[in-house]
Amino acid sequence: MKILKYIVRLLLFLFGMAGFSGFFMPMVRRRIINIGNFTGIVICVSVVLYALFMPSVHKTLRAFWQKMLGKIVLSILAAGIVVGVLLVIVMTVLMIKAAAKPPAPNATVVVLGCKVYGDRPSITLEERLKAAINYLNANADSVCIVSGGQGADETISEAECMYLYLVNNGIDPKRIYKEDQSTTTRENLAFSYDIIKEQSLNPQLAIATNNFHEYRAGKVAEGLGLEYGAVSGDTALWLLPTYYARELLAILYEWVF
């Protein structure tokens, strides 16, 4: 029994450290700090500390359980953990399904903006652009709207950066429309739809974004009454934990508020 407990503690410790490394790496490599890796780091550090001090933690919990207040608090905590796990499972399934939703042929591609560095797209944005290029090359009558404004720390707009990338990778400039005023996913799609109406483009959308983001983008599109499919870009494995965690929290926020 003691050996089994040590094995469990070791596995939890290794799991926590691996998770900590996954969430901490984007901070070191690209100075990416957001609620996703902050939340992940807090959870992983908690797991590591639990593994290290498991006997003391269990002793404290047993003592707390003897009191009525302790029973209430721990029961609520346990229920919250169970509900949280179920929510994560449900949201993950929805993300996977949304990323696999096929777009109509020759739909209007809308590439959702993301961070740029100088005149170069971030890794995340580049994956969106690669997915858009694949779709545009396979659908000769499709056009593209690159959507994203200019952040305070960006030298050009995200739309301009995406335009340059697409042109440099063989997409005819005549097939590209720029929307450079948006700052949110909702504005990306709403302002892009304004261009679609003004230019009489195909109202069916092919939303080009990262796989983890397709569900939330799709819900925004549905809220605007738009017909859409997914053109999903991959996500670098070393970035996935951070953005996946952030997206879970963003989806939860959308559901609640």
C-alpha atoms as a PDB file:
ATOM      1  CA  MET A   1       0.000   0.000   0.000  1.00  0.00           C
ATOM      2  CA  LYS A   2       2.805   2.420   0.865  1.00  0.00           C
ATOM      3  CA  ILE A   3       4.518   1.689  -2.456  1.00  0.00           C
ATOM      4  CA  LEU A   4       1.259   2.409  -4.304  1.00  0.00           C
ATOM      5  CA  LYS A   5       0.922   5.745  -2.478  1.00  0.00           C
ATOM      6  CA  TYR A   6       4.476   6.686  -3.394  1.00  0.00           C
ATOM      7  CA  ILE A   7       3.806   5.797  -7.024  1.00  0.00           C
ATOM      8  CA  VAL A   8       0.653   7.951  -7.029  1.00  0.00           C
ATOM      9  CA  ARG A   9       2.565  10.856  -5.491  1.00  0.00           C
ATOM     10  CA  LEU A  10       5.363  10.471  -8.023  1.00  0.00           C
ATOM     11  CA  LEU A  11       2.951  10.408 -10.948  1.00  0.00           C
ATOM     12  CA  LEU A  12       1.141  13.488  -9.668  1.00  0.00           C
ATOM     13  CA  PHE A  13       4.452  15.267  -9.156  1.00  0.00           C
ATOM     14  CA  LEU A  14       5.641  14.435 -12.675  1.00  0.00           C
ATOM     15  CA  PHE A  15       2.276  15.417 -14.142  1.00  0.00           C
ATOM     16  CA  GLY A  16       2.340  18.735 -12.324  1.00  0.00           C
ATOM     17  CA  MET A  17       5.905  19.504 -13.365  1.00  0.00           C
ATOM     18  CA  ALA A  18       5.220  18.579 -16.989  1.00  0.00           C
ATOM     19  CA  GLY A  19       2.149  20.799 -16.994  1.00  0.00           C
ATOM     20  CA  PHE A  20       4.075  23.633 -15.352  1.00  0.00           C
ATOM     21  CA  SER A  21       6.738  23.393 -18.056  1.00  0.00           C
ATOM     22  CA  GLY A  22       4.089  23.433 -20.784  1.00  0.00           C
ATOM     23  CA  PHE A  23       2.432  26.570 -19.443  1.00  0.00           C
ATOM     24  CA  PHE A  24       5.689  28.318 -18.533  1.00  0.00           C
ATOM     25  CA  MET A  25       7.443  27.752 -21.884  1.00  0.00           C
ATOM     26  CA  PRO A  26       5.460  30.388 -23.850  1.00  0.00           C
ATOM     27  CA  MET A  27       6.398  32.962 -21.215  1.00  0.00           C
ATOM     28  CA  VAL A  28      10.093  32.205 -21.712  1.00  0.00           C
ATOM     29  CA  ARG A  29      10.183  31.739 -25.476  1.00  0.00           C
ATOM     30  CA  ARG A  30       7.802  34.494 -26.622  1.00  0.00           C
ATOM     31  CA  ARG A  31       6.869  36.432 -23.469  1.00  0.00           C
ATOM     32  CA  ILE A  32       3.276  35.249 -23.859  1.00  0.00           C
ATOM     33  CA  ILE A  33       1.498  35.930 -20.581  1.00  0.00           C
ATOM     34  CA  ASN A  34      -2.258  35.563 -20.370  1.00  0.00           C
ATOM     35  CA  ILE A  35      -4.953  34.110 -18.173  1.00  0.00           C
ATOM     36  CA  GLY A  36      -4.437  30.717 -19.823  1.00  0.00           C
ATOM     37  CA  ASN A  37      -0.866  30.072 -18.728  1.00  0.00           C
ATOM     38  CA  PHE A  38      -1.422  31.892 -15.415  1.00  0.00           C
ATOM     39  CA  THR A  39      -4.329  29.574 -14.567  1.00  0.00           C
ATOM     40  CA  GLY A  40      -2.416  26.522 -15.784  1.00  0.00           C
ATOM     41  CA  ILE A  41       0.629  27.387 -13.695  1.00  0.00           C
ATOM     42  CA  VAL A  42      -1.493  27.878 -10.564  1.00  0.00           C
ATOM     43  CA  ILE A  43      -3.179  24.504 -11.059  1.00  0.00           C
ATOM     44  CA  CYS A  44       0.080  22.684 -11.811  1.00  0.00           C
ATOM     45  CA  VAL A  45       1.881  24.212  -8.810  1.00  0.00           C
ATOM     46  CA  SER A  46      -1.067  23.127  -6.641  1.00  0.00           C
ATOM     47  CA  VAL A  47      -0.740  19.573  -7.965  1.00  0.00           C
ATOM     48  CA  VAL A  48       3.011  19.540  -7.272  1.00  0.00           C
ATOM     49  CA  LEU A  49       2.530  20.847  -3.736  1.00  0.00           C
ATOM     50  CA  TYR A  50      -0.223  18.292  -3.116  1.00  0.00           C
ATOM     51  CA  ALA A  51       2.060  15.493  -4.294  1.00  0.00           C
ATOM     52  CA  LEU A  52       4.899  16.693  -2.054  1.00  0.00           C
ATOM     53  CA  PHE A  53       2.786  17.160   1.056  1.00  0.00           C
ATOM     54  CA  MET A  54       0.050  14.601   0.478  1.00  0.00           C
ATOM     55  CA  PRO A  55       0.126  13.000   3.982  1.00  0.00           C
ATOM     56  CA  SER A  56      -0.137  16.381   5.716  1.00  0.00           C
ATOM     57  CA  VAL A  57      -2.875  17.514   3.347  1.00  0.00           C
ATOM     58  CA  HIS A  58      -4.915  14.368   3.985  1.00  0.00           C
ATOM     59  CA  LYS A  59      -4.475  14.734   7.738  1.00  0.00           C
ATOM     60  CA  THR A  60      -5.701  18.338   7.603  1.00  0.00           C
ATOM     61  CA  LEU A  61      -8.671  17.419   5.420  1.00  0.00           C
ATOM     62  CA  ARG A  62      -9.697  14.563   7.724  1.00  0.00           C
ATOM     63  CA  ALA A  63      -9.611  16.904  10.702  1.00  0.00           C
ATOM     64  CA  PHE A  64     -11.606  19.549   8.801  1.00  0.00           C
ATOM     65  CA  TRP A  65     -14.162  16.934   7.734  1.00  0.00           C
ATOM     66  CA  GLN A  66     -15.039  16.263  11.381  1.00  0.00           C
ATOM     67  CA  LYS A  67     -16.664  19.696  11.600  1.00  0.00           C
ATOM     68  CA  MET A  68     -20.022  20.551  10.041  1.00  0.00           C
ATOM     69  CA  LEU A  69     -18.558  23.577   8.258  1.00  0.00           C
ATOM     70  CA  GLY A  70     -15.767  21.356   6.958  1.00  0.00           C
ATOM     71  CA  LYS A  71     -18.237  18.850   5.513  1.00  0.00           C
ATOM     72  CA  ILE A  72     -20.121  21.650   3.749  1.00  0.00           C
ATOM     73  CA  VAL A  73     -17.014  23.360   2.358  1.00  0.00           C
ATOM     74  CA  LEU A  74     -15.330  20.150   1.206  1.00  0.00           C
ATOM     75  CA  SER A  75     -18.544  18.832  -0.355  1.00  0.00           C
ATOM     76  CA  ILE A  76     -18.992  22.063  -2.302  1.00  0.00           C
ATOM     77  CA  LEU A  77     -15.324  21.953  -3.342  1.00  0.00           C
ATOM     78  CA  ALA A  78     -15.618  18.344  -4.524  1.00  0.00           C
ATOM     79  CA  ALA A  79     -18.814  19.099  -6.436  1.00  0.00           C
ATOM     80  CA  GLY A  80     -17.130  22.106  -8.037  1.00  0.00           C
ATOM     81  CA  ILE A  81     -14.204  19.977  -9.184  1.00  0.00           C
ATOM     82  CA  VAL A  82     -16.540  17.381 -10.710  1.00  0.00           C
ATOM     83  CA  VAL A  83     -18.595  20.042 -12.499  1.00  0.00           C
ATOM     84  CA  GLY A  84     -15.394  21.711 -13.699  1.00  0.00           C
ATOM     85  CA  VAL A  85     -14.060  18.486 -15.177  1.00  0.00           C
ATOM     86  CA  LEU A  86     -17.379  17.792 -16.920  1.00  0.00           C
ATOM     87  CA  LEU A  87     -17.433  21.321 -18.348  1.00  0.00           C
ATOM     88  CA  VAL A  88     -13.908  20.930 -19.691  1.00  0.00           C
ATOM     89  CA  ILE A  89     -14.897  17.664 -21.385  1.00  0.00           C
ATOM     90  CA  VAL A  90     -18.011  19.209 -22.936  1.00  0.00           C
ATOM     91  CA  MET A  91     -16.157  22.317 -24.155  1.00  0.00           C
ATOM     92  CA  THR A  92     -13.346  20.217 -25.601  1.00  0.00           C
ATOM     93  CA  VAL A  93     -15.813  18.082 -27.566  1.00  0.00           C
ATOM     94  CA  LEU A  94     -17.508  21.235 -28.871  1.00  0.00           C
ATOM     95  CA  MET A  95     -14.133  22.681 -29.929  1.00  0.00           C
ATOM     96  CA  ILE A  96     -13.219  19.514 -31.801  1.00  0.00           C
ATOM     97  CA  LYS A  97     -16.586  19.363 -33.574  1.00  0.00           C
ATOM     98  CA  ALA A  98     -16.449  23.042 -34.529  1.00  0.00           C
ATOM     99  CA  ALA A  99     -12.932  22.734 -35.956  1.00  0.00           C
ATOM    100  CA  ALA A 100     -14.124  19.876 -38.170  1.00  0.00           C
ATOM    101  CA  LYS A 101     -17.162  21.700 -39.599  1.00  0.00           C
ATOM    102  CA  PRO A 102     -16.557  21.844 -43.377  1.00  0.00           C
ATOM    103  CA  PRO A 103     -16.982  25.149 -45.216  1.00  0.00           C
ATOM    104  CA  ALA A 104     -19.009  25.514 -48.384  1.00  0.00           C
ATOM    105  CA  PRO A 105     -17.098  25.509 -51.692  1.00  0.00           C
ATOM    106  CA  ASN A 106     -15.800  28.909 -52.773  1.00  0.00           C
ATOM    107  CA  ALA A 107     -16.961  30.580 -49.566  1.00  0.00           C
ATOM    108  CA  THR A 108     -15.602  33.953 -48.509  1.00  0.00           C
ATOM    109  CA  VAL A 109     -12.623  33.315 -46.267  1.00  0.00           C
ATOM    110  CA  VAL A 110     -12.389  35.525 -43.189  1.00  0.00           C
ATOM    111  CA  VAL A 111      -8.997  35.297 -41.489  1.00  0.00           C
ATOM    112  CA  LEU A 112      -9.301  36.394 -37.874  1.00  0.00           C
ATOM    113  CA  GLY A 113      -6.472  38.619 -36.712  1.00  0.00           C
ATOM    114  CA  CYS A 114      -3.901  37.831 -34.061  1.00  0.00           C
ATOM    115  CA  LYS A 115      -0.616  39.240 -32.749  1.00  0.00           C
ATOM    116  CA  VAL A 116       1.969  40.528 -35.231  1.00  0.00           C
ATOM    117  CA  TYR A 117       5.647  41.341 -34.673  1.00  0.00           C
ATOM    118  CA  GLY A 118       6.849  44.133 -36.889  1.00  0.00           C
ATOM    119  CA  ASP A 119       5.579  43.129 -40.313  1.00  0.00           C
ATOM    120  CA  ARG A 120       5.584  39.408 -39.529  1.00  0.00           C
ATOM    121  CA  PRO A 121       2.696  37.332 -38.175  1.00  0.00           C
ATOM    122  CA  SER A 122       2.974  35.502 -34.875  1.00  0.00           C
ATOM    123  CA  ILE A 123       3.156  31.711 -35.008  1.00  0.00           C
ATOM    124  CA  THR A 124      -0.539  31.499 -34.177  1.00  0.00           C
ATOM    125  CA  LEU A 125      -1.528  33.944 -36.915  1.00  0.00           C
ATOM    126  CA  GLU A 126       0.744  32.241 -39.446  1.00  0.00           C
ATOM    127  CA  GLU A 127      -1.074  28.948 -38.880  1.00  0.00           C
ATOM    128  CA  ARG A 128      -4.362  30.700 -39.662  1.00  0.00           C
ATOM    129  CA  LEU A 129      -2.887  32.142 -42.830  1.00  0.00           C
ATOM    130  CA  LYS A 130      -1.515  28.771 -43.960  1.00  0.00           C
ATOM    131  CA  ALA A 131      -4.989  27.255 -43.557  1.00  0.00           C
ATOM    132  CA  ALA A 132      -6.502  30.137 -45.543  1.00  0.00           C
ATOM    133  CA  ILE A 133      -3.942  29.683 -48.339  1.00  0.00           C
ATOM    134  CA  ASN A 134      -4.745  25.977 -48.606  1.00  0.00           C
ATOM    135  CA  TYR A 135      -8.449  26.745 -48.916  1.00  0.00           C
ATOM    136  CA  LEU A 136      -7.952  29.586 -51.410  1.00  0.00           C
ATOM    137  CA  ASN A 137      -5.719  27.418 -53.593  1.00  0.00           C
ATOM    138  CA  ALA A 138      -8.348  24.678 -53.579  1.00  0.00           C
ATOM    139  CA  ASN A 139     -11.234  27.073 -54.311  1.00  0.00           C
ATOM    140  CA  ALA A 140     -10.305  29.299 -57.238  1.00  0.00           C
ATOM    141  CA  ASP A 141     -13.468  31.450 -57.030  1.00  0.00           C
ATOM    142  CA  SER A 142     -13.079  32.183 -53.343  1.00  0.00           C
ATOM    143  CA  VAL A 143     -11.941  35.557 -52.026  1.00  0.00           C
ATOM    144  CA  CYS A 144     -10.495  36.474 -48.669  1.00  0.00           C
ATOM    145  CA  ILE A 145     -11.028  39.147 -46.026  1.00  0.00           C
ATOM    146  CA  VAL A 146      -8.113  39.673 -43.643  1.00  0.00           C
ATOM    147  CA  SER A 147      -9.536  41.123 -40.465  1.00  0.00           C
ATOM    148  CA  GLY A 148      -7.645  42.811 -37.645  1.00  0.00           C
ATOM    149  CA  GLY A 149      -6.779  46.292 -36.438  1.00  0.00           C
ATOM    150  CA  GLN A 150      -3.494  47.669 -35.130  1.00  0.00           C
ATOM    151  CA  GLY A 151      -2.621  47.103 -31.501  1.00  0.00           C
ATOM    152  CA  ALA A 152      -0.790  49.656 -29.394  1.00  0.00           C
ATOM    153  CA  ASP A 153       2.431  47.637 -29.655  1.00  0.00           C
ATOM    154  CA  GLU A 154       2.089  46.771 -33.347  1.00  0.00           C
ATOM    155  CA  THR A 155       3.781  48.772 -36.117  1.00  0.00           C
ATOM    156  CA  ILE A 156       1.212  47.862 -38.781  1.00  0.00           C
ATOM    157  CA  SER A 157      -2.330  46.540 -38.645  1.00  0.00           C
ATOM    158  CA  GLU A 158      -2.912  42.811 -38.442  1.00  0.00           C
ATOM    159  CA  ALA A 159      -4.876  43.084 -41.688  1.00  0.00           C
ATOM    160  CA  GLU A 160      -1.907  44.674 -43.482  1.00  0.00           C
ATOM    161  CA  CYS A 161       0.444  42.010 -42.118  1.00  0.00           C
ATOM    162  CA  MET A 162      -1.862  39.240 -43.295  1.00  0.00           C
ATOM    163  CA  TYR A 163      -2.296  40.876 -46.706  1.00  0.00           C
ATOM    164  CA  LEU A 164       1.480  40.998 -47.209  1.00  0.00           C
ATOM    165  CA  TYR A 165       1.868  37.374 -46.107  1.00  0.00           C
ATOM    166  CA  LEU A 166      -0.828  36.106 -48.472  1.00  0.00           C
ATOM    167  CA  VAL A 167       0.537  38.076 -51.433  1.00  0.00           C
ATOM    168  CA  ASN A 168       4.075  36.876 -50.728  1.00  0.00           C
ATOM    169  CA  ASN A 169       2.747  33.323 -50.733  1.00  0.00           C
ATOM    170  CA  GLY A 170       1.115  33.525 -54.127  1.00  0.00           C
ATOM    171  CA  ILE A 171      -2.418  34.779 -53.468  1.00  0.00           C
ATOM    172  CA  ASP A 172      -3.612  37.323 -56.050  1.00  0.00           C
ATOM    173  CA  PRO A 173      -4.041  40.732 -54.348  1.00  0.00           C
ATOM    174  CA  LYS A 174      -7.350  41.129 -56.197  1.00  0.00           C
ATOM    175  CA  ARG A 175      -8.729  38.263 -54.106  1.00  0.00           C
ATOM    176  CA  ILE A 176      -7.915  39.979 -50.792  1.00  0.00           C
ATOM    177  CA  TYR A 177      -9.949  42.599 -48.936  1.00  0.00           C
ATOM    178  CA  LYS A 178      -8.598  44.337 -45.832  1.00  0.00           C
ATOM    179  CA  GLU A 179     -10.628  45.082 -42.718  1.00  0.00           C
ATOM    180  CA  ASP A 180      -8.305  46.940 -40.353  1.00  0.00           C
ATOM    181  CA  GLN A 181     -10.546  48.431 -37.668  1.00  0.00           C
ATOM    182  CA  SER A 182     -11.607  45.429 -35.578  1.00  0.00           C
ATOM    183  CA  THR A 183     -10.256  44.609 -32.131  1.00  0.00           C
ATOM    184  CA  THR A 184     -12.376  41.577 -31.134  1.00  0.00           C
ATOM    185  CA  THR A 185     -13.647  38.388 -32.745  1.00  0.00           C
ATOM    186  CA  ARG A 186     -17.149  39.849 -32.866  1.00  0.00           C
ATOM    187  CA  GLU A 187     -15.876  42.957 -34.661  1.00  0.00           C
ATOM    188  CA  ASN A 188     -13.753  40.781 -36.997  1.00  0.00           C
ATOM    189  CA  LEU A 189     -16.867  39.038 -38.246  1.00  0.00           C
ATOM    190  CA  ALA A 190     -19.303  41.972 -38.094  1.00  0.00           C
ATOM    191  CA  PHE A 191     -16.991  44.371 -39.944  1.00  0.00           C
ATOM    192  CA  SER A 192     -16.054  41.672 -42.451  1.00  0.00           C
ATOM    193  CA  TYR A 193     -19.728  41.046 -43.126  1.00  0.00           C
ATOM    194  CA  ASP A 194     -20.123  44.757 -43.869  1.00  0.00           C
ATOM    195  CA  ILE A 195     -17.469  44.350 -46.576  1.00  0.00           C
ATOM    196  CA  ILE A 196     -19.243  41.269 -47.905  1.00  0.00           C
ATOM    197  CA  LYS A 197     -22.457  43.256 -48.317  1.00  0.00           C
ATOM    198  CA  GLU A 198     -20.716  46.290 -49.788  1.00  0.00           C
ATOM    199  CA  GLN A 199     -18.776  44.213 -52.347  1.00  0.00           C
ATOM    200  CA  SER A 200     -21.580  41.686 -53.016  1.00  0.00           C
ATOM    201  CA  LEU A 201     -19.336  38.777 -52.004  1.00  0.00           C
ATOM    202  CA  ASN A 202     -20.467  35.247 -51.214  1.00  0.00           C
ATOM    203  CA  PRO A 203     -22.232  35.510 -47.803  1.00  0.00           C
ATOM    204  CA  GLN A 204     -21.174  31.978 -46.879  1.00  0.00           C
ATOM    205  CA  LEU A 205     -18.108  32.235 -44.655  1.00  0.00           C
ATOM    206  CA  ALA A 206     -15.041  30.063 -44.209  1.00  0.00           C
ATOM    207  CA  ILE A 207     -13.634  31.192 -40.865  1.00  0.00           C
ATOM    208  CA  ALA A 208      -9.852  30.816 -40.831  1.00  0.00           C
ATOM    209  CA  THR A 209      -8.605  30.625 -37.272  1.00  0.00           C
ATOM    210  CA  ASN A 210      -6.837  28.144 -34.999  1.00  0.00           C
ATOM    211  CA  ASN A 211      -8.561  24.870 -34.220  1.00  0.00           C
ATOM    212  CA  PHE A 212      -9.140  25.736 -30.551  1.00  0.00           C
ATOM    213  CA  HIS A 213     -10.817  29.039 -31.519  1.00  0.00           C
ATOM    214  CA  GLU A 214     -13.289  27.792 -34.126  1.00  0.00           C
ATOM    215  CA  TYR A 215     -16.102  27.023 -31.662  1.00  0.00           C
ATOM    216  CA  ARG A 216     -16.215  30.488 -30.115  1.00  0.00           C
ATOM    217  CA  ALA A 217     -15.792  32.186 -33.499  1.00  0.00           C
ATOM    218  CA  GLY A 218     -18.604  30.043 -34.850  1.00  0.00           C
ATOM    219  CA  LYS A 219     -20.932  31.013 -31.999  1.00  0.00           C
ATOM    220  CA  VAL A 220     -20.234  34.675 -32.734  1.00  0.00           C
ATOM    221  CA  ALA A 221     -21.011  34.073 -36.423  1.00  0.00           C
ATOM    222  CA  GLU A 222     -24.271  32.337 -35.495  1.00  0.00           C
ATOM    223  CA  GLY A 223     -25.193  35.264 -33.273  1.00  0.00           C
ATOM    224  CA  LEU A 224     -24.754  37.559 -36.272  1.00  0.00           C
ATOM    225  CA  GLY A 225     -26.926  35.269 -38.398  1.00  0.00           C
ATOM    226  CA  LEU A 226     -24.076  34.147 -40.651  1.00  0.00           C
ATOM    227  CA  GLU A 227     -23.636  30.793 -42.377  1.00  0.00           C
ATOM    228  CA  TYR A 228     -20.118  29.480 -41.867  1.00  0.00           C
ATOM    229  CA  GLY A 229     -17.688  26.604 -41.946  1.00  0.00           C
ATOM    230  CA  ALA A 230     -14.248  26.133 -40.408  1.00  0.00           C
ATOM    231  CA  VAL A 231     -10.863  26.516 -42.063  1.00  0.00           C
ATOM    232  CA  SER A 232      -8.801  25.429 -39.096  1.00  0.00           C
ATOM    233  CA  GLY A 233      -5.140  26.169 -38.584  1.00  0.00           C
ATOM    234  CA  ASP A 234      -3.015  23.938 -36.401  1.00  0.00           C
ATOM    235  CA  THR A 235      -1.573  25.129 -33.107  1.00  0.00           C
ATOM    236  CA  ALA A 236       2.076  24.607 -32.142  1.00  0.00           C
ATOM    237  CA  LEU A 237       2.190  21.969 -29.390  1.00  0.00           C
ATOM    238  CA  TRP A 238       4.239  24.167 -27.074  1.00  0.00           C
ATOM    239  CA  LEU A 239       1.566  26.883 -27.330  1.00  0.00           C
ATOM    240  CA  LEU A 240      -1.489  24.627 -27.148  1.00  0.00           C
ATOM    241  CA  PRO A 241      -1.776  24.290 -23.331  1.00  0.00           C
ATOM    242  CA  THR A 242      -1.747  28.058 -22.828  1.00  0.00           C
ATOM    243  CA  TYR A 243      -4.232  28.880 -25.568  1.00  0.00           C
ATOM    244  CA  TYR A 244      -6.423  25.873 -24.823  1.00  0.00           C
ATOM    245  CA  ALA A 245      -6.745  26.901 -21.171  1.00  0.00           C
ATOM    246  CA  ARG A 246      -7.432  30.501 -22.124  1.00  0.00           C
ATOM    247  CA  GLU A 247     -10.064  29.409 -24.621  1.00  0.00           C
ATOM    248  CA  LEU A 248     -11.839  27.263 -22.017  1.00  0.00           C
ATOM    249  CA  LEU A 249     -12.122  30.297 -19.761  1.00  0.00           C
ATOM    250  CA  ALA A 250     -13.269  32.482 -22.663  1.00  0.00           C
ATOM    251  CA  ILE A 251     -15.988  30.015 -23.614  1.00  0.00           C
ATOM    252  CA  LEU A 252     -17.134  29.787 -19.998  1.00  0.00           C
ATOM    253  CA  TYR A 253     -17.283  33.571 -19.851  1.00  0.00           C
ATOM    254  CA  GLU A 254     -19.379  33.663 -23.034  1.00  0.00           C
ATOM    255  CA  TRP A 255     -21.775  31.067 -21.608  1.00  0.00           C
ATOM    256  CA  VAL A 256     -22.192  32.880 -18.296  1.00  0.00           C
ATOM    257  CA  PHE A 257     -22.252  36.483 -19.466  1.00  0.00           C
END
